[in-house]
Amino acid sequence: MIPKKVKYRKWHRMRENRKRSHAATRGNELDFGSFGLVAQDAKEVWSNQIEAARKTMARFTNNAGKIWIRIFTDMPITQKPLEVGMGKGKGDLIGFVYRVKPGTVIFEVDGLTEENSKEALRKAASKLPVKTKIISR
């Protein structure tokens, strides 16, 4: 899950204050499915973590229901190599993240029984670094 094209390859890191992380005002309600996975705290979710959670849900449900991924990793992260001195520019691109706010819906599921939906979302939540809860319509 990486963008096809970005305007700027390297972004500023952004200021991060977990004590002041406000609740999400957009993307905080179920729009498509009957059950959803909602973030409880603010963290950075990497594209490979989202893909691992998606694969786990698809494998558990045998591709029976419909799964929506409500977040997209569009923020590039850079890192300089180990044992390299300060200066000489910003590091190379290593991946993309999405900054999750409390209350953001990460996944939605529909077309499954209640038990299967909750179990699929629980398994997906174990792959993510953020604390989550399962909500229903």
C-alpha atoms as a PDB file:
ATOM      1  CA  MET A   1       0.000   0.000   0.000  1.00  0.00           C
ATOM      2  CA  ILE A   2       2.100   2.836  -1.289  1.00  0.00           C
ATOM      3  CA  PRO A   3       1.023   5.855  -3.309  1.00  0.00           C
ATOM      4  CA  LYS A   4       1.479   5.678  -7.070  1.00  0.00           C
ATOM      5  CA  LYS A   5       2.923   9.156  -7.133  1.00  0.00           C
ATOM      6  CA  VAL A   6       3.793  11.707  -4.453  1.00  0.00           C
ATOM      7  CA  LYS A   7       4.465  15.376  -4.969  1.00  0.00           C
ATOM      8  CA  TYR A   8       7.303  15.495  -2.441  1.00  0.00           C
ATOM      9  CA  ARG A   9       9.360  12.372  -1.826  1.00  0.00           C
ATOM     10  CA  LYS A  10      10.574  13.478   1.625  1.00  0.00           C
ATOM     11  CA  TRP A  11       8.281  15.149   4.158  1.00  0.00           C
ATOM     12  CA  HIS A  12       8.951  16.847   7.453  1.00  0.00           C
ATOM     13  CA  ARG A  13       8.555  14.455  10.356  1.00  0.00           C
ATOM     14  CA  MET A  14       5.689  16.467  11.928  1.00  0.00           C
ATOM     15  CA  ARG A  15       5.365  17.358  15.587  1.00  0.00           C
ATOM     16  CA  GLU A  16       4.079  14.558  17.770  1.00  0.00           C
ATOM     17  CA  ASN A  17       2.570  15.053  21.221  1.00  0.00           C
ATOM     18  CA  ARG A  18       0.709  11.973  22.404  1.00  0.00           C
ATOM     19  CA  LYS A  19      -0.739  13.799  25.438  1.00  0.00           C
ATOM     20  CA  ARG A  20      -2.524  16.213  23.131  1.00  0.00           C
ATOM     21  CA  SER A  21      -3.593  13.796  20.416  1.00  0.00           C
ATOM     22  CA  HIS A  22      -7.136  14.852  19.635  1.00  0.00           C
ATOM     23  CA  ALA A  23      -9.833  12.439  18.607  1.00  0.00           C
ATOM     24  CA  ALA A  24     -10.456  11.957  14.906  1.00  0.00           C
ATOM     25  CA  THR A  25     -13.127  14.188  13.424  1.00  0.00           C
ATOM     26  CA  ARG A  26     -13.207  12.424  10.034  1.00  0.00           C
ATOM     27  CA  GLY A  27     -13.337   8.707   9.353  1.00  0.00           C
ATOM     28  CA  ASN A  28     -14.687   7.943  12.816  1.00  0.00           C
ATOM     29  CA  GLU A  29     -17.991   6.273  11.875  1.00  0.00           C
ATOM     30  CA  LEU A  30     -18.927   3.073  10.067  1.00  0.00           C
ATOM     31  CA  ASP A  31     -19.746   3.915   6.453  1.00  0.00           C
ATOM     32  CA  PHE A  32     -19.708   0.588   4.601  1.00  0.00           C
ATOM     33  CA  GLY A  33     -19.738  -2.508   6.809  1.00  0.00           C
ATOM     34  CA  SER A  34     -21.604  -3.802   9.837  1.00  0.00           C
ATOM     35  CA  PHE A  35     -18.560  -4.174  12.097  1.00  0.00           C
ATOM     36  CA  GLY A  36     -15.423  -2.099  12.364  1.00  0.00           C
ATOM     37  CA  LEU A  37     -12.062  -1.846  14.081  1.00  0.00           C
ATOM     38  CA  VAL A  38     -11.497   1.524  15.775  1.00  0.00           C
ATOM     39  CA  ALA A  39      -8.184   2.900  17.057  1.00  0.00           C
ATOM     40  CA  GLN A  40      -8.047   3.848  20.735  1.00  0.00           C
ATOM     41  CA  ASP A  41      -4.754   5.772  20.774  1.00  0.00           C
ATOM     42  CA  ALA A  42      -2.485   7.676  18.407  1.00  0.00           C
ATOM     43  CA  LYS A  43       0.253   5.734  16.596  1.00  0.00           C
ATOM     44  CA  GLU A  44       1.916   5.395  13.231  1.00  0.00           C
ATOM     45  CA  VAL A  45       0.692   2.394  11.239  1.00  0.00           C
ATOM     46  CA  TRP A  46       3.054   1.146   8.519  1.00  0.00           C
ATOM     47  CA  SER A  47       1.892  -0.197   5.183  1.00  0.00           C
ATOM     48  CA  ASN A  48       3.244  -3.692   5.878  1.00  0.00           C
ATOM     49  CA  GLN A  49       1.260  -3.847   9.145  1.00  0.00           C
ATOM     50  CA  ILE A  50      -1.959  -2.996   7.311  1.00  0.00           C
ATOM     51  CA  GLU A  51      -1.197  -5.616   4.678  1.00  0.00           C
ATOM     52  CA  ALA A  52      -0.493  -8.263   7.348  1.00  0.00           C
ATOM     53  CA  ALA A  53      -3.822  -7.492   9.050  1.00  0.00           C
ATOM     54  CA  ARG A  54      -5.672  -7.613   5.716  1.00  0.00           C
ATOM     55  CA  LYS A  55      -4.130 -10.972   4.810  1.00  0.00           C
ATOM     56  CA  THR A  56      -5.041 -12.398   8.219  1.00  0.00           C
ATOM     57  CA  MET A  57      -8.661 -11.317   7.855  1.00  0.00           C
ATOM     58  CA  ALA A  58      -8.906 -12.633   4.292  1.00  0.00           C
ATOM     59  CA  ARG A  59      -7.388 -15.962   5.301  1.00  0.00           C
ATOM     60  CA  PHE A  60      -9.736 -16.331   8.283  1.00  0.00           C
ATOM     61  CA  THR A  61     -12.880 -15.467   6.310  1.00  0.00           C
ATOM     62  CA  ASN A  62     -11.903 -17.505   3.222  1.00  0.00           C
ATOM     63  CA  ASN A  63     -12.665 -14.373   1.189  1.00  0.00           C
ATOM     64  CA  ALA A  64     -16.348 -14.830   2.046  1.00  0.00           C
ATOM     65  CA  GLY A  65     -17.303 -11.357   3.279  1.00  0.00           C
ATOM     66  CA  LYS A  66     -16.319  -7.884   2.166  1.00  0.00           C
ATOM     67  CA  ILE A  67     -13.424  -6.052   3.846  1.00  0.00           C
ATOM     68  CA  TRP A  68     -12.816  -2.309   3.578  1.00  0.00           C
ATOM     69  CA  ILE A  69      -9.504  -0.699   4.498  1.00  0.00           C
ATOM     70  CA  ARG A  70     -10.365   2.816   5.648  1.00  0.00           C
ATOM     71  CA  ILE A  71      -6.841   4.200   5.996  1.00  0.00           C
ATOM     72  CA  PHE A  72      -4.125   4.715   3.420  1.00  0.00           C
ATOM     73  CA  THR A  73      -0.419   5.128   4.098  1.00  0.00           C
ATOM     74  CA  ASP A  74       0.652   8.260   2.292  1.00  0.00           C
ATOM     75  CA  MET A  75       3.297   9.787   4.594  1.00  0.00           C
ATOM     76  CA  PRO A  76       6.860   8.878   3.558  1.00  0.00           C
ATOM     77  CA  ILE A  77       9.405   8.018   6.262  1.00  0.00           C
ATOM     78  CA  THR A  78      13.147   8.374   5.743  1.00  0.00           C
ATOM     79  CA  GLN A  79      16.131   7.008   7.645  1.00  0.00           C
ATOM     80  CA  LYS A  80      19.845   7.459   7.387  1.00  0.00           C
ATOM     81  CA  PRO A  81      22.058   4.343   7.356  1.00  0.00           C
ATOM     82  CA  LEU A  82      23.652   3.104  10.569  1.00  0.00           C
ATOM     83  CA  GLU A  83      26.922   4.687  11.711  1.00  0.00           C
ATOM     84  CA  VAL A  84      26.608   7.684   9.387  1.00  0.00           C
ATOM     85  CA  GLY A  85      27.485  11.103  10.750  1.00  0.00           C
ATOM     86  CA  MET A  86      25.194  14.084  11.083  1.00  0.00           C
ATOM     87  CA  GLY A  87      24.589  16.317   8.116  1.00  0.00           C
ATOM     88  CA  LYS A  88      24.866  15.593   4.387  1.00  0.00           C
ATOM     89  CA  GLY A  89      21.117  15.690   3.787  1.00  0.00           C
ATOM     90  CA  LYS A  90      18.049  13.711   4.696  1.00  0.00           C
ATOM     91  CA  GLY A  91      18.083   9.909   4.600  1.00  0.00           C
ATOM     92  CA  ASP A  92      16.640   7.535   2.038  1.00  0.00           C
ATOM     93  CA  LEU A  93      12.976   6.579   1.877  1.00  0.00           C
ATOM     94  CA  ILE A  94      12.243   3.398   3.864  1.00  0.00           C
ATOM     95  CA  GLY A  95       8.449   3.199   3.804  1.00  0.00           C
ATOM     96  CA  PHE A  96       5.085   4.859   4.218  1.00  0.00           C
ATOM     97  CA  VAL A  97       2.951   5.324   7.340  1.00  0.00           C
ATOM     98  CA  TYR A  98      -0.464   6.627   8.346  1.00  0.00           C
ATOM     99  CA  ARG A  99      -0.837   8.616  11.542  1.00  0.00           C
ATOM    100  CA  VAL A 100      -3.860   7.087  13.270  1.00  0.00           C
ATOM    101  CA  LYS A 101      -5.809   9.277  15.686  1.00  0.00           C
ATOM    102  CA  PRO A 102      -8.042   7.953  18.467  1.00  0.00           C
ATOM    103  CA  GLY A 103     -11.470   7.095  17.042  1.00  0.00           C
ATOM    104  CA  THR A 104     -10.321   6.399  13.480  1.00  0.00           C
ATOM    105  CA  VAL A 105     -12.011   3.422  11.810  1.00  0.00           C
ATOM    106  CA  ILE A 106      -9.239   1.239  10.377  1.00  0.00           C
ATOM    107  CA  PHE A 107     -11.133  -1.740   8.929  1.00  0.00           C
ATOM    108  CA  GLU A 108     -14.765  -2.530   8.204  1.00  0.00           C
ATOM    109  CA  VAL A 109     -16.314  -5.950   7.580  1.00  0.00           C
ATOM    110  CA  ASP A 110     -19.679  -7.010   6.182  1.00  0.00           C
ATOM    111  CA  GLY A 111     -21.324 -10.184   4.858  1.00  0.00           C
ATOM    112  CA  LEU A 112     -20.249 -12.460   7.741  1.00  0.00           C
ATOM    113  CA  THR A 113     -21.869 -13.668  10.925  1.00  0.00           C
ATOM    114  CA  GLU A 114     -21.312 -11.606  14.055  1.00  0.00           C
ATOM    115  CA  GLU A 115     -18.935 -14.160  15.602  1.00  0.00           C
ATOM    116  CA  ASN A 116     -16.838 -14.496  12.449  1.00  0.00           C
ATOM    117  CA  SER A 117     -16.686 -10.741  11.944  1.00  0.00           C
ATOM    118  CA  LYS A 118     -15.528 -10.090  15.487  1.00  0.00           C
ATOM    119  CA  GLU A 119     -12.971 -12.898  15.371  1.00  0.00           C
ATOM    120  CA  ALA A 120     -11.566 -11.657  12.045  1.00  0.00           C
ATOM    121  CA  LEU A 121     -11.249  -8.123  13.419  1.00  0.00           C
ATOM    122  CA  ARG A 122      -9.665  -9.425  16.629  1.00  0.00           C
ATOM    123  CA  LYS A 123      -7.039 -11.319  14.629  1.00  0.00           C
ATOM    124  CA  ALA A 124      -6.375  -8.226  12.497  1.00  0.00           C
ATOM    125  CA  ALA A 125      -5.997  -6.073  15.617  1.00  0.00           C
ATOM    126  CA  SER A 126      -3.191  -8.299  16.851  1.00  0.00           C
ATOM    127  CA  LYS A 127      -1.142  -7.327  13.781  1.00  0.00           C
ATOM    128  CA  LEU A 128      -1.442  -3.586  14.417  1.00  0.00           C
ATOM    129  CA  PRO A 129       0.634  -1.495  16.862  1.00  0.00           C
ATOM    130  CA  VAL A 130      -2.352   0.542  18.011  1.00  0.00           C
ATOM    131  CA  LYS A 131      -4.814  -0.404  20.754  1.00  0.00           C
ATOM    132  CA  THR A 132      -8.233  -1.034  19.169  1.00  0.00           C
ATOM    133  CA  LYS A 133     -11.835  -1.936  19.888  1.00  0.00           C
ATOM    134  CA  ILE A 134     -14.538  -3.544  17.767  1.00  0.00           C
ATOM    135  CA  ILE A 135     -17.722  -1.591  17.071  1.00  0.00           C
ATOM    136  CA  SER A 136     -20.954  -2.539  15.344  1.00  0.00           C
ATOM    137  CA  ARG A 137     -23.661  -0.656  13.515  1.00  0.00           C
END
